[in-house]
Amino acid sequence: MPYVMPPETAPQDRIWMAFPREGATLGETLTEREAGYAAWAAVAHAIADHQPVSMIVDPTETARARRMLSSQIDLIERTIDDFWLRDSGPTFVHAEDGTLAAVDWVFNGWGGGDWTSATHDRHLAQFIAGLVGAPVISSLLVNEGGGIHVDGEGTILLTETVQLGPERNPYADAARVEAEMSRTLGTTRAIWLPRGLARDYEPFGTRGHVDIVATFPSPGTVLVHAQPDAGHPDHATMRDIRTILAEATDAKGRRLNLIDLPAPATQRDAHGFVDWSYVNHLVINGAVIACAFGEAQADQRAADILAAAYPGRRIIPVDARELFARGGGVHCITQQQPKPLK
């Protein structure tokens, strides 16, 4: 394959993020907005202790970013619409010669909800690729980084309501999507999940991103969100998804080893059932930035499971409640830039 997306455990040069700016997802009140800024800053600082962080900052937020962020973090001014960099930024891959390239998906604001705009963010992947000096692989597929997970050995997790959703790709079918993933990411085996978590279909949701549902800590193994409470709508959803994963084989023909990551006990917030998930973590050099939810027992249980799944990496919990209140988690606001192979 000419391009291959490496696993998230591969050595990294840096993490890309975008600093929040005022808008629908940040919050309506000063208290809400300040909590959002603080949550993004906490994630950035946790990463910056281990490896470089580059932060895209809208000019309206430059002064605040300089005040709130450590000098360790590289600030880059550019007008942005939103600040979920996993989705609006590039997906980095290795070319055949081991050099870095960047996939530029079509970004339309998660299907074009009336609360968002992609006017500036649709060009963000090309902008970052230019800063890095990586050639751009243009794609006509509407997709986001949070809508895919790969094992680095040819297997990809996808969701029918994302890549095949009419608000994203009304004329695509599974075969066309799989062919495009093969061309851009080097995958040869797609495992399709029918949908995502319930909260993800509300106004600020992504309609089923896989990075809150399941991920590969290593080839042949999948960490799976588990909702043990039968009264929560995600209980049935995850039961069905787990069955699909248990019956699937990866690109190497292996049955998958499934490891449950149980959700915390909290079921609801002021807006309904929560989608708090420990699956939405970020792997960096020598560490994992894990979601925490203020429940000591559940947070520790998740940290222990992650430590076993990522041997040799330090588990660093960061309170993710303010992130999830806005529609995502630690993985959603970050994008890794892998090291070139040579």
C-alpha atoms as a PDB file:
ATOM      1  CA  MET A   1       0.000   0.000   0.000  1.00  0.00           C
ATOM      2  CA  PRO A   2       1.342   3.487  -0.793  1.00  0.00           C
ATOM      3  CA  TYR A   3       0.009   4.944   2.496  1.00  0.00           C
ATOM      4  CA  VAL A   4      -0.454   3.361   5.905  1.00  0.00           C
ATOM      5  CA  MET A   5      -1.929   4.939   9.012  1.00  0.00           C
ATOM      6  CA  PRO A   6       0.210   3.784  11.949  1.00  0.00           C
ATOM      7  CA  PRO A   7      -1.392   2.710  15.225  1.00  0.00           C
ATOM      8  CA  GLU A   8      -1.772   5.405  17.860  1.00  0.00           C
ATOM      9  CA  THR A   9       0.871   3.612  19.922  1.00  0.00           C
ATOM     10  CA  ALA A  10       3.539   4.400  17.289  1.00  0.00           C
ATOM     11  CA  PRO A  11       6.216   6.987  18.248  1.00  0.00           C
ATOM     12  CA  GLN A  12       4.957  10.559  17.917  1.00  0.00           C
ATOM     13  CA  ASP A  13       6.532  13.927  17.134  1.00  0.00           C
ATOM     14  CA  ARG A  14       3.763  16.017  18.679  1.00  0.00           C
ATOM     15  CA  ILE A  15       0.080  16.396  19.464  1.00  0.00           C
ATOM     16  CA  TRP A  16      -2.092  18.974  17.715  1.00  0.00           C
ATOM     17  CA  MET A  17      -4.955  20.734  19.486  1.00  0.00           C
ATOM     18  CA  ALA A  18      -7.163  23.800  19.006  1.00  0.00           C
ATOM     19  CA  PHE A  19      -7.881  26.251  21.812  1.00  0.00           C
ATOM     20  CA  PRO A  20     -11.582  26.904  22.486  1.00  0.00           C
ATOM     21  CA  ARG A  21     -13.244  30.012  21.144  1.00  0.00           C
ATOM     22  CA  GLU A  22     -16.613  31.453  22.020  1.00  0.00           C
ATOM     23  CA  GLY A  23     -19.483  29.675  20.326  1.00  0.00           C
ATOM     24  CA  ALA A  24     -22.315  27.220  20.809  1.00  0.00           C
ATOM     25  CA  THR A  25     -20.304  24.331  22.237  1.00  0.00           C
ATOM     26  CA  LEU A  26     -18.137  26.336  24.621  1.00  0.00           C
ATOM     27  CA  GLY A  27     -21.037  27.513  26.783  1.00  0.00           C
ATOM     28  CA  GLU A  28     -23.516  30.327  27.199  1.00  0.00           C
ATOM     29  CA  THR A  29     -22.453  31.654  30.606  1.00  0.00           C
ATOM     30  CA  LEU A  30     -19.101  32.972  31.768  1.00  0.00           C
ATOM     31  CA  THR A  31     -18.840  30.095  34.244  1.00  0.00           C
ATOM     32  CA  GLU A  32     -19.467  27.523  31.524  1.00  0.00           C
ATOM     33  CA  ARG A  33     -16.973  29.128  29.160  1.00  0.00           C
ATOM     34  CA  GLU A  34     -14.258  29.340  31.810  1.00  0.00           C
ATOM     35  CA  ALA A  35     -14.784  25.655  32.638  1.00  0.00           C
ATOM     36  CA  GLY A  36     -14.351  24.802  28.957  1.00  0.00           C
ATOM     37  CA  TYR A  37     -11.118  26.776  28.601  1.00  0.00           C
ATOM     38  CA  ALA A  38      -9.760  25.142  31.756  1.00  0.00           C
ATOM     39  CA  ALA A  39     -10.596  21.622  30.535  1.00  0.00           C
ATOM     40  CA  TRP A  40      -8.749  22.081  27.240  1.00  0.00           C
ATOM     41  CA  ALA A  41      -5.782  23.640  29.036  1.00  0.00           C
ATOM     42  CA  ALA A  42      -5.588  20.735  31.504  1.00  0.00           C
ATOM     43  CA  VAL A  43      -5.347  18.210  28.673  1.00  0.00           C
ATOM     44  CA  ALA A  44      -2.710  20.276  26.868  1.00  0.00           C
ATOM     45  CA  HIS A  45      -0.554  20.565  29.993  1.00  0.00           C
ATOM     46  CA  ALA A  46      -0.832  16.846  30.747  1.00  0.00           C
ATOM     47  CA  ILE A  47       0.489  16.082  27.252  1.00  0.00           C
ATOM     48  CA  ALA A  48       3.147  18.811  27.236  1.00  0.00           C
ATOM     49  CA  ASP A  49       4.883  17.206  30.207  1.00  0.00           C
ATOM     50  CA  HIS A  50       5.765  14.300  27.875  1.00  0.00           C
ATOM     51  CA  GLN A  51       5.998  15.621  24.324  1.00  0.00           C
ATOM     52  CA  PRO A  52       5.456  18.760  22.216  1.00  0.00           C
ATOM     53  CA  VAL A  53       1.979  20.246  21.802  1.00  0.00           C
ATOM     54  CA  SER A  54       1.031  22.614  18.983  1.00  0.00           C
ATOM     55  CA  MET A  55      -2.134  24.622  19.636  1.00  0.00           C
ATOM     56  CA  ILE A  56      -4.155  26.360  16.921  1.00  0.00           C
ATOM     57  CA  VAL A  57      -5.575  29.547  18.437  1.00  0.00           C
ATOM     58  CA  ASP A  58      -8.235  31.780  16.955  1.00  0.00           C
ATOM     59  CA  PRO A  59      -7.030  35.430  17.004  1.00  0.00           C
ATOM     60  CA  THR A  60      -9.936  36.319  19.304  1.00  0.00           C
ATOM     61  CA  GLU A  61      -8.474  33.983  21.945  1.00  0.00           C
ATOM     62  CA  THR A  62      -4.739  34.647  21.639  1.00  0.00           C
ATOM     63  CA  ALA A  63      -4.438  36.715  24.809  1.00  0.00           C
ATOM     64  CA  ARG A  64      -6.366  34.149  26.853  1.00  0.00           C
ATOM     65  CA  ALA A  65      -4.354  31.256  25.437  1.00  0.00           C
ATOM     66  CA  ARG A  66      -1.076  32.965  26.304  1.00  0.00           C
ATOM     67  CA  ARG A  67      -2.342  33.586  29.809  1.00  0.00           C
ATOM     68  CA  MET A  68      -3.667  30.069  30.432  1.00  0.00           C
ATOM     69  CA  LEU A  69      -1.120  27.903  28.616  1.00  0.00           C
ATOM     70  CA  SER A  70       2.448  27.076  29.560  1.00  0.00           C
ATOM     71  CA  SER A  71       5.296  28.384  27.422  1.00  0.00           C
ATOM     72  CA  GLN A  72       5.965  24.692  26.598  1.00  0.00           C
ATOM     73  CA  ILE A  73       2.979  24.803  24.241  1.00  0.00           C
ATOM     74  CA  ASP A  74       3.489  26.191  20.741  1.00  0.00           C
ATOM     75  CA  LEU A  75       0.715  28.648  19.806  1.00  0.00           C
ATOM     76  CA  ILE A  76      -0.245  29.138  16.150  1.00  0.00           C
ATOM     77  CA  GLU A  77      -2.763  31.830  15.225  1.00  0.00           C
ATOM     78  CA  ARG A  78      -5.429  30.951  12.681  1.00  0.00           C
ATOM     79  CA  THR A  79      -9.146  31.665  12.398  1.00  0.00           C
ATOM     80  CA  ILE A  80     -11.173  28.565  13.298  1.00  0.00           C
ATOM     81  CA  ASP A  81     -14.847  27.699  13.595  1.00  0.00           C
ATOM     82  CA  ASP A  82     -14.673  25.090  16.346  1.00  0.00           C
ATOM     83  CA  PHE A  83     -12.019  23.329  18.389  1.00  0.00           C
ATOM     84  CA  TRP A  84     -12.371  19.549  18.042  1.00  0.00           C
ATOM     85  CA  LEU A  85      -9.064  19.109  16.285  1.00  0.00           C
ATOM     86  CA  ARG A  86      -9.321  15.315  15.952  1.00  0.00           C
ATOM     87  CA  ASP A  87     -12.107  15.913  13.466  1.00  0.00           C
ATOM     88  CA  SER A  88     -11.178  19.092  11.612  1.00  0.00           C
ATOM     89  CA  GLY A  89      -7.437  18.429  11.430  1.00  0.00           C
ATOM     90  CA  PRO A  90      -5.510  16.045   9.187  1.00  0.00           C
ATOM     91  CA  THR A  91      -5.119  12.309   9.653  1.00  0.00           C
ATOM     92  CA  PHE A  92      -1.393  11.589   9.432  1.00  0.00           C
ATOM     93  CA  VAL A  93      -0.092   8.532   7.589  1.00  0.00           C
ATOM     94  CA  HIS A  94       3.210   7.095   6.438  1.00  0.00           C
ATOM     95  CA  ALA A  95       4.025   7.046   2.740  1.00  0.00           C
ATOM     96  CA  GLU A  96       5.684   4.032   1.157  1.00  0.00           C
ATOM     97  CA  ASP A  97       9.141   5.490   1.805  1.00  0.00           C
ATOM     98  CA  GLY A  98       8.357   6.113   5.494  1.00  0.00           C
ATOM     99  CA  THR A  99       7.882   9.866   5.183  1.00  0.00           C
ATOM    100  CA  LEU A 100       4.858  11.643   6.613  1.00  0.00           C
ATOM    101  CA  ALA A 101       1.729  12.542   4.628  1.00  0.00           C
ATOM    102  CA  ALA A 102      -1.611  14.022   5.687  1.00  0.00           C
ATOM    103  CA  VAL A 103      -5.097  12.925   4.665  1.00  0.00           C
ATOM    104  CA  ASP A 104      -7.461  15.840   4.105  1.00  0.00           C
ATOM    105  CA  TRP A 105     -11.017  14.550   4.508  1.00  0.00           C
ATOM    106  CA  VAL A 106     -13.956  16.719   3.519  1.00  0.00           C
ATOM    107  CA  PHE A 107     -15.110  18.353   6.759  1.00  0.00           C
ATOM    108  CA  ASN A 108     -18.693  19.635   6.815  1.00  0.00           C
ATOM    109  CA  GLY A 109     -19.209  20.180  10.533  1.00  0.00           C
ATOM    110  CA  TRP A 110     -20.324  16.633  11.475  1.00  0.00           C
ATOM    111  CA  GLY A 111     -23.072  16.638   8.892  1.00  0.00           C
ATOM    112  CA  GLY A 112     -23.733  20.361   8.903  1.00  0.00           C
ATOM    113  CA  GLY A 113     -25.680  20.969  12.107  1.00  0.00           C
ATOM    114  CA  ASP A 114     -27.235  24.405  12.464  1.00  0.00           C
ATOM    115  CA  TRP A 115     -24.973  25.166  15.453  1.00  0.00           C
ATOM    116  CA  THR A 116     -21.706  24.776  13.598  1.00  0.00           C
ATOM    117  CA  SER A 117     -19.848  26.030  10.560  1.00  0.00           C
ATOM    118  CA  ALA A 118     -17.001  24.579   8.548  1.00  0.00           C
ATOM    119  CA  THR A 119     -16.140  27.775   6.683  1.00  0.00           C
ATOM    120  CA  HIS A 120     -12.627  27.951   8.115  1.00  0.00           C
ATOM    121  CA  ASP A 121     -12.159  24.450   9.522  1.00  0.00           C
ATOM    122  CA  ARG A 122     -12.625  22.732   6.149  1.00  0.00           C
ATOM    123  CA  HIS A 123      -9.195  24.081   5.188  1.00  0.00           C
ATOM    124  CA  LEU A 124      -7.506  23.370   8.529  1.00  0.00           C
ATOM    125  CA  ALA A 125      -6.040  20.001   7.546  1.00  0.00           C
ATOM    126  CA  GLN A 126      -4.201  21.543   4.600  1.00  0.00           C
ATOM    127  CA  PHE A 127      -2.984  24.398   6.803  1.00  0.00           C
ATOM    128  CA  ILE A 128      -1.486  22.030   9.395  1.00  0.00           C
ATOM    129  CA  ALA A 129       0.003  19.805   6.702  1.00  0.00           C
ATOM    130  CA  GLY A 130       1.709  22.883   5.287  1.00  0.00           C
ATOM    131  CA  LEU A 131       3.195  23.763   8.668  1.00  0.00           C
ATOM    132  CA  VAL A 132       4.522  20.221   9.025  1.00  0.00           C
ATOM    133  CA  GLY A 133       5.737  20.004   5.449  1.00  0.00           C
ATOM    134  CA  ALA A 134       3.657  16.898   4.761  1.00  0.00           C
ATOM    135  CA  PRO A 135       2.148  16.325   1.317  1.00  0.00           C
ATOM    136  CA  VAL A 136      -1.644  16.310   1.299  1.00  0.00           C
ATOM    137  CA  ILE A 137      -3.696  13.295   0.258  1.00  0.00           C
ATOM    138  CA  SER A 138      -7.014  14.808  -0.815  1.00  0.00           C
ATOM    139  CA  SER A 139     -10.175  12.801  -0.240  1.00  0.00           C
ATOM    140  CA  LEU A 140     -13.738  13.400  -1.393  1.00  0.00           C
ATOM    141  CA  LEU A 141     -15.078  11.418   1.573  1.00  0.00           C
ATOM    142  CA  VAL A 142     -16.770  13.378   4.345  1.00  0.00           C
ATOM    143  CA  ASN A 143     -15.134  11.951   7.446  1.00  0.00           C
ATOM    144  CA  GLU A 144     -13.534  12.940  10.734  1.00  0.00           C
ATOM    145  CA  GLY A 145     -10.601  11.575  12.705  1.00  0.00           C
ATOM    146  CA  GLY A 146     -12.893  10.536  15.549  1.00  0.00           C
ATOM    147  CA  GLY A 147     -14.879   8.377  13.145  1.00  0.00           C
ATOM    148  CA  ILE A 148     -12.079   5.864  12.579  1.00  0.00           C
ATOM    149  CA  HIS A 149      -9.743   3.617  14.544  1.00  0.00           C
ATOM    150  CA  VAL A 150      -7.024   1.447  12.989  1.00  0.00           C
ATOM    151  CA  ASP A 151      -4.779  -1.273  14.346  1.00  0.00           C
ATOM    152  CA  GLY A 152      -1.837  -0.423  12.067  1.00  0.00           C
ATOM    153  CA  GLU A 153      -2.008  -3.889  10.478  1.00  0.00           C
ATOM    154  CA  GLY A 154      -4.836  -3.308   8.027  1.00  0.00           C
ATOM    155  CA  THR A 155      -7.969  -3.292  10.209  1.00  0.00           C
ATOM    156  CA  ILE A 156     -10.281  -0.305  10.608  1.00  0.00           C
ATOM    157  CA  LEU A 157     -13.370   0.292  12.765  1.00  0.00           C
ATOM    158  CA  LEU A 158     -16.155   2.320  11.114  1.00  0.00           C
ATOM    159  CA  THR A 159     -19.751   3.256  11.955  1.00  0.00           C
ATOM    160  CA  GLU A 160     -22.661   3.026   9.518  1.00  0.00           C
ATOM    161  CA  THR A 161     -24.282   6.229  10.800  1.00  0.00           C
ATOM    162  CA  VAL A 162     -21.055   8.182  10.259  1.00  0.00           C
ATOM    163  CA  GLN A 163     -19.395   7.273   6.957  1.00  0.00           C
ATOM    164  CA  LEU A 164     -22.667   6.068   5.395  1.00  0.00           C
ATOM    165  CA  GLY A 165     -24.871   8.778   6.922  1.00  0.00           C
ATOM    166  CA  PRO A 166     -26.888  10.791   4.367  1.00  0.00           C
ATOM    167  CA  GLU A 167     -25.814  14.095   5.913  1.00  0.00           C
ATOM    168  CA  ARG A 168     -22.188  13.191   5.189  1.00  0.00           C
ATOM    169  CA  ASN A 169     -21.952  10.850   2.206  1.00  0.00           C
ATOM    170  CA  PRO A 170     -25.427  10.398   0.673  1.00  0.00           C
ATOM    171  CA  TYR A 171     -24.132   8.554  -2.394  1.00  0.00           C
ATOM    172  CA  ALA A 172     -21.563   6.307  -0.717  1.00  0.00           C
ATOM    173  CA  ASP A 173     -21.925   2.628   0.013  1.00  0.00           C
ATOM    174  CA  ALA A 174     -19.761   0.404   2.210  1.00  0.00           C
ATOM    175  CA  ALA A 175     -17.616  -0.798  -0.691  1.00  0.00           C
ATOM    176  CA  ARG A 176     -16.774   2.759  -1.794  1.00  0.00           C
ATOM    177  CA  VAL A 177     -15.926   3.831   1.754  1.00  0.00           C
ATOM    178  CA  GLU A 178     -13.725   0.785   2.271  1.00  0.00           C
ATOM    179  CA  ALA A 179     -11.927   1.437  -1.023  1.00  0.00           C
ATOM    180  CA  GLU A 180     -11.215   5.018   0.033  1.00  0.00           C
ATOM    181  CA  MET A 181      -9.937   3.903   3.426  1.00  0.00           C
ATOM    182  CA  SER A 182      -7.673   1.426   1.664  1.00  0.00           C
ATOM    183  CA  ARG A 183      -6.344   4.144  -0.665  1.00  0.00           C
ATOM    184  CA  THR A 184      -5.706   6.725   2.047  1.00  0.00           C
ATOM    185  CA  LEU A 185      -4.989   4.653   5.169  1.00  0.00           C
ATOM    186  CA  GLY A 186      -3.800   1.313   3.788  1.00  0.00           C
ATOM    187  CA  THR A 187      -6.556  -0.718   5.471  1.00  0.00           C
ATOM    188  CA  THR A 188      -7.752  -3.999   4.013  1.00  0.00           C
ATOM    189  CA  ARG A 189     -10.429  -5.121   6.494  1.00  0.00           C
ATOM    190  CA  ALA A 190     -13.284  -2.936   7.719  1.00  0.00           C
ATOM    191  CA  ILE A 191     -15.393  -3.844  10.740  1.00  0.00           C
ATOM    192  CA  TRP A 192     -18.655  -1.926  10.560  1.00  0.00           C
ATOM    193  CA  LEU A 193     -20.532  -1.028  13.729  1.00  0.00           C
ATOM    194  CA  PRO A 194     -24.210  -0.097  13.311  1.00  0.00           C
ATOM    195  CA  ARG A 195     -24.268   3.033  15.494  1.00  0.00           C
ATOM    196  CA  GLY A 196     -22.658   4.879  18.376  1.00  0.00           C
ATOM    197  CA  LEU A 197     -23.775   5.919  21.859  1.00  0.00           C
ATOM    198  CA  ALA A 198     -27.169   7.521  22.449  1.00  0.00           C
ATOM    199  CA  ARG A 199     -25.943  10.979  23.509  1.00  0.00           C
ATOM    200  CA  ASP A 200     -23.949  11.199  20.277  1.00  0.00           C
ATOM    201  CA  TYR A 201     -27.199  11.630  18.314  1.00  0.00           C
ATOM    202  CA  GLU A 202     -28.227  14.782  20.163  1.00  0.00           C
ATOM    203  CA  PRO A 203     -27.536  18.258  18.691  1.00  0.00           C
ATOM    204  CA  PHE A 204     -23.848  18.501  19.696  1.00  0.00           C
ATOM    205  CA  GLY A 205     -23.152  14.877  18.802  1.00  0.00           C
ATOM    206  CA  THR A 206     -21.264  13.332  15.904  1.00  0.00           C
ATOM    207  CA  ARG A 207     -23.868  10.670  15.070  1.00  0.00           C
ATOM    208  CA  GLY A 208     -21.779   7.727  16.116  1.00  0.00           C
ATOM    209  CA  HIS A 209     -18.042   8.326  16.321  1.00  0.00           C
ATOM    210  CA  VAL A 210     -16.226   5.091  17.060  1.00  0.00           C
ATOM    211  CA  ASP A 211     -13.597   6.704  19.301  1.00  0.00           C
ATOM    212  CA  ILE A 212     -16.028   6.732  22.196  1.00  0.00           C
ATOM    213  CA  VAL A 213     -17.090   3.113  21.587  1.00  0.00           C
ATOM    214  CA  ALA A 214     -14.026   0.959  20.867  1.00  0.00           C
ATOM    215  CA  THR A 215     -10.299   1.230  20.125  1.00  0.00           C
ATOM    216  CA  PHE A 216      -7.236  -0.916  19.420  1.00  0.00           C
ATOM    217  CA  PRO A 217      -4.612  -0.809  22.193  1.00  0.00           C
ATOM    218  CA  SER A 218      -2.669  -3.346  20.109  1.00  0.00           C
ATOM    219  CA  PRO A 219      -3.339  -5.485  17.032  1.00  0.00           C
ATOM    220  CA  GLY A 220      -5.839  -8.234  17.746  1.00  0.00           C
ATOM    221  CA  THR A 221      -7.181  -6.546  20.878  1.00  0.00           C
ATOM    222  CA  VAL A 222     -10.079  -4.104  21.271  1.00  0.00           C
ATOM    223  CA  LEU A 223     -10.995  -2.026  24.298  1.00  0.00           C
ATOM    224  CA  VAL A 224     -14.795  -1.833  24.349  1.00  0.00           C
ATOM    225  CA  HIS A 225     -17.056   0.602  26.193  1.00  0.00           C
ATOM    226  CA  ALA A 226     -19.364  -1.303  28.536  1.00  0.00           C
ATOM    227  CA  GLN A 227     -22.554   0.101  30.070  1.00  0.00           C
ATOM    228  CA  PRO A 228     -23.631  -2.390  32.756  1.00  0.00           C
ATOM    229  CA  ASP A 229     -26.841  -0.584  33.740  1.00  0.00           C
ATOM    230  CA  ALA A 230     -29.757  -2.080  31.818  1.00  0.00           C
ATOM    231  CA  GLY A 231     -31.722   1.140  32.257  1.00  0.00           C
ATOM    232  CA  HIS A 232     -29.258   3.103  30.143  1.00  0.00           C
ATOM    233  CA  PRO A 233     -29.911   3.098  26.360  1.00  0.00           C
ATOM    234  CA  ASP A 234     -26.234   2.315  25.701  1.00  0.00           C
ATOM    235  CA  HIS A 235     -26.574  -1.019  27.496  1.00  0.00           C
ATOM    236  CA  ALA A 236     -28.365  -2.614  24.542  1.00  0.00           C
ATOM    237  CA  THR A 237     -26.281  -0.727  21.985  1.00  0.00           C
ATOM    238  CA  MET A 238     -23.008  -1.962  23.443  1.00  0.00           C
ATOM    239  CA  ARG A 239     -24.338  -5.499  23.874  1.00  0.00           C
ATOM    240  CA  ASP A 240     -25.025  -5.603  20.135  1.00  0.00           C
ATOM    241  CA  ILE A 241     -21.698  -3.979  19.226  1.00  0.00           C
ATOM    242  CA  ARG A 242     -19.807  -6.383  21.443  1.00  0.00           C
ATOM    243  CA  THR A 243     -21.480  -9.294  19.660  1.00  0.00           C
ATOM    244  CA  ILE A 244     -20.385  -7.909  16.289  1.00  0.00           C
ATOM    245  CA  LEU A 245     -16.810  -7.485  17.493  1.00  0.00           C
ATOM    246  CA  ALA A 246     -16.761 -10.958  19.043  1.00  0.00           C
ATOM    247  CA  GLU A 247     -17.747 -12.486  15.721  1.00  0.00           C
ATOM    248  CA  ALA A 248     -15.386 -10.366  13.614  1.00  0.00           C
ATOM    249  CA  THR A 249     -11.921 -11.175  12.352  1.00  0.00           C
ATOM    250  CA  ASP A 250      -9.209  -8.621  11.659  1.00  0.00           C
ATOM    251  CA  ALA A 251      -7.025  -8.130   8.571  1.00  0.00           C
ATOM    252  CA  LYS A 252      -4.746 -10.935   9.734  1.00  0.00           C
ATOM    253  CA  GLY A 253      -7.655 -13.335  10.149  1.00  0.00           C
ATOM    254  CA  ARG A 254      -7.567 -13.238  13.957  1.00  0.00           C
ATOM    255  CA  ARG A 255     -10.552 -13.279  16.270  1.00  0.00           C
ATOM    256  CA  LEU A 256     -10.430 -10.197  18.436  1.00  0.00           C
ATOM    257  CA  ASN A 257      -9.583 -10.238  22.115  1.00  0.00           C
ATOM    258  CA  LEU A 258     -12.203  -7.957  23.692  1.00  0.00           C
ATOM    259  CA  ILE A 259     -11.490  -6.058  26.915  1.00  0.00           C
ATOM    260  CA  ASP A 260     -14.414  -4.278  28.577  1.00  0.00           C
ATOM    261  CA  LEU A 261     -13.970  -0.740  29.894  1.00  0.00           C
ATOM    262  CA  PRO A 262     -17.000  -0.287  32.191  1.00  0.00           C
ATOM    263  CA  ALA A 263     -18.632   3.128  32.289  1.00  0.00           C
ATOM    264  CA  PRO A 264     -18.709   5.053  35.570  1.00  0.00           C
ATOM    265  CA  ALA A 265     -21.810   4.772  37.727  1.00  0.00           C
ATOM    266  CA  THR A 266     -23.244   8.197  36.845  1.00  0.00           C
ATOM    267  CA  GLN A 267     -26.152   7.760  34.447  1.00  0.00           C
ATOM    268  CA  ARG A 268     -27.469  11.259  33.846  1.00  0.00           C
ATOM    269  CA  ASP A 269     -26.641  14.923  33.845  1.00  0.00           C
ATOM    270  CA  ALA A 270     -28.927  17.926  33.419  1.00  0.00           C
ATOM    271  CA  HIS A 271     -29.514  17.038  29.757  1.00  0.00           C
ATOM    272  CA  GLY A 272     -30.229  13.318  30.005  1.00  0.00           C
ATOM    273  CA  PHE A 273     -28.251  10.096  29.785  1.00  0.00           C
ATOM    274  CA  VAL A 274     -24.488  10.682  29.706  1.00  0.00           C
ATOM    275  CA  ASP A 275     -22.033   9.006  27.331  1.00  0.00           C
ATOM    276  CA  TRP A 276     -19.051   9.047  29.696  1.00  0.00           C
ATOM    277  CA  SER A 277     -16.531   6.616  28.277  1.00  0.00           C
ATOM    278  CA  TYR A 278     -12.990   5.651  29.217  1.00  0.00           C
ATOM    279  CA  VAL A 279     -12.429   4.469  25.644  1.00  0.00           C
ATOM    280  CA  ASN A 280     -11.904   8.082  24.583  1.00  0.00           C
ATOM    281  CA  HIS A 281      -8.299   8.300  25.798  1.00  0.00           C
ATOM    282  CA  LEU A 282      -5.152   9.555  24.066  1.00  0.00           C
ATOM    283  CA  VAL A 283      -2.000   7.473  23.686  1.00  0.00           C
ATOM    284  CA  ILE A 284       1.242   9.502  23.685  1.00  0.00           C
ATOM    285  CA  ASN A 285       4.920   8.668  24.021  1.00  0.00           C
ATOM    286  CA  GLY A 286       5.306   6.712  27.241  1.00  0.00           C
ATOM    287  CA  ALA A 287       1.867   7.581  28.614  1.00  0.00           C
ATOM    288  CA  VAL A 288      -1.909   7.496  28.181  1.00  0.00           C
ATOM    289  CA  ILE A 289      -3.990  10.605  28.872  1.00  0.00           C
ATOM    290  CA  ALA A 290      -7.087   8.982  30.351  1.00  0.00           C
ATOM    291  CA  CYS A 291     -10.556  10.356  30.968  1.00  0.00           C
ATOM    292  CA  ALA A 292     -11.610  10.650  34.611  1.00  0.00           C
ATOM    293  CA  PHE A 293     -15.120  11.414  35.848  1.00  0.00           C
ATOM    294  CA  GLY A 294     -14.801  12.179  39.535  1.00  0.00           C
ATOM    295  CA  GLU A 295     -15.630   8.630  40.643  1.00  0.00           C
ATOM    296  CA  ALA A 296     -12.587   7.300  42.471  1.00  0.00           C
ATOM    297  CA  GLN A 297     -13.424   3.605  42.223  1.00  0.00           C
ATOM    298  CA  ALA A 298     -14.504   3.635  38.574  1.00  0.00           C
ATOM    299  CA  ASP A 299     -11.650   5.926  37.529  1.00  0.00           C
ATOM    300  CA  GLN A 300      -9.107   3.658  39.214  1.00  0.00           C
ATOM    301  CA  ARG A 301     -10.639   0.534  37.683  1.00  0.00           C
ATOM    302  CA  ALA A 302     -10.350   2.100  34.234  1.00  0.00           C
ATOM    303  CA  ALA A 303      -6.774   3.213  34.911  1.00  0.00           C
ATOM    304  CA  ASP A 304      -5.852  -0.332  35.907  1.00  0.00           C
ATOM    305  CA  ILE A 305      -7.401  -1.768  32.730  1.00  0.00           C
ATOM    306  CA  LEU A 306      -5.610   0.810  30.588  1.00  0.00           C
ATOM    307  CA  ALA A 307      -2.303   0.129  32.340  1.00  0.00           C
ATOM    308  CA  ALA A 308      -2.619  -3.568  31.510  1.00  0.00           C
ATOM    309  CA  ALA A 309      -3.586  -2.815  27.901  1.00  0.00           C
ATOM    310  CA  TYR A 310      -0.706  -0.364  27.408  1.00  0.00           C
ATOM    311  CA  PRO A 311       2.210  -1.940  29.305  1.00  0.00           C
ATOM    312  CA  GLY A 312       5.089   0.408  30.023  1.00  0.00           C
ATOM    313  CA  ARG A 313       3.002   3.572  29.689  1.00  0.00           C
ATOM    314  CA  ARG A 314       2.069   5.822  32.567  1.00  0.00           C
ATOM    315  CA  ILE A 315      -1.689   6.390  32.974  1.00  0.00           C
ATOM    316  CA  ILE A 316      -2.477  10.077  33.530  1.00  0.00           C
ATOM    317  CA  PRO A 317      -6.141  10.777  34.401  1.00  0.00           C
ATOM    318  CA  VAL A 318      -7.609  14.160  33.464  1.00  0.00           C
ATOM    319  CA  ASP A 319     -11.122  15.200  34.485  1.00  0.00           C
ATOM    320  CA  ALA A 320     -13.153  14.895  31.282  1.00  0.00           C
ATOM    321  CA  ARG A 321     -16.605  15.862  32.510  1.00  0.00           C
ATOM    322  CA  GLU A 322     -16.464  19.349  31.012  1.00  0.00           C
ATOM    323  CA  LEU A 323     -15.279  17.875  27.711  1.00  0.00           C
ATOM    324  CA  PHE A 324     -18.121  15.372  27.553  1.00  0.00           C
ATOM    325  CA  ALA A 325     -20.610  18.092  28.480  1.00  0.00           C
ATOM    326  CA  ARG A 326     -19.624  19.734  25.188  1.00  0.00           C
ATOM    327  CA  GLY A 327     -19.807  16.625  23.032  1.00  0.00           C
ATOM    328  CA  GLY A 328     -16.513  14.730  23.281  1.00  0.00           C
ATOM    329  CA  GLY A 329     -13.515  13.632  25.312  1.00  0.00           C
ATOM    330  CA  VAL A 330      -9.717  13.693  25.452  1.00  0.00           C
ATOM    331  CA  HIS A 331      -9.284  11.826  22.171  1.00  0.00           C
ATOM    332  CA  CYS A 332     -11.729  14.140  20.391  1.00  0.00           C
ATOM    333  CA  ILE A 333      -9.742  17.320  21.062  1.00  0.00           C
ATOM    334  CA  THR A 334      -6.322  15.956  20.101  1.00  0.00           C
ATOM    335  CA  GLN A 335      -4.592  14.608  16.995  1.00  0.00           C
ATOM    336  CA  GLN A 336      -1.277  12.777  16.995  1.00  0.00           C
ATOM    337  CA  GLN A 337       1.497  13.439  14.499  1.00  0.00           C
ATOM    338  CA  PRO A 338       3.556  10.240  14.207  1.00  0.00           C
ATOM    339  CA  LYS A 339       7.288  10.267  13.661  1.00  0.00           C
ATOM    340  CA  PRO A 340       8.460   9.489  10.129  1.00  0.00           C
ATOM    341  CA  LEU A 341       9.835   5.987   9.771  1.00  0.00           C
ATOM    342  CA  LYS A 342      13.063   7.411   8.375  1.00  0.00           C
END
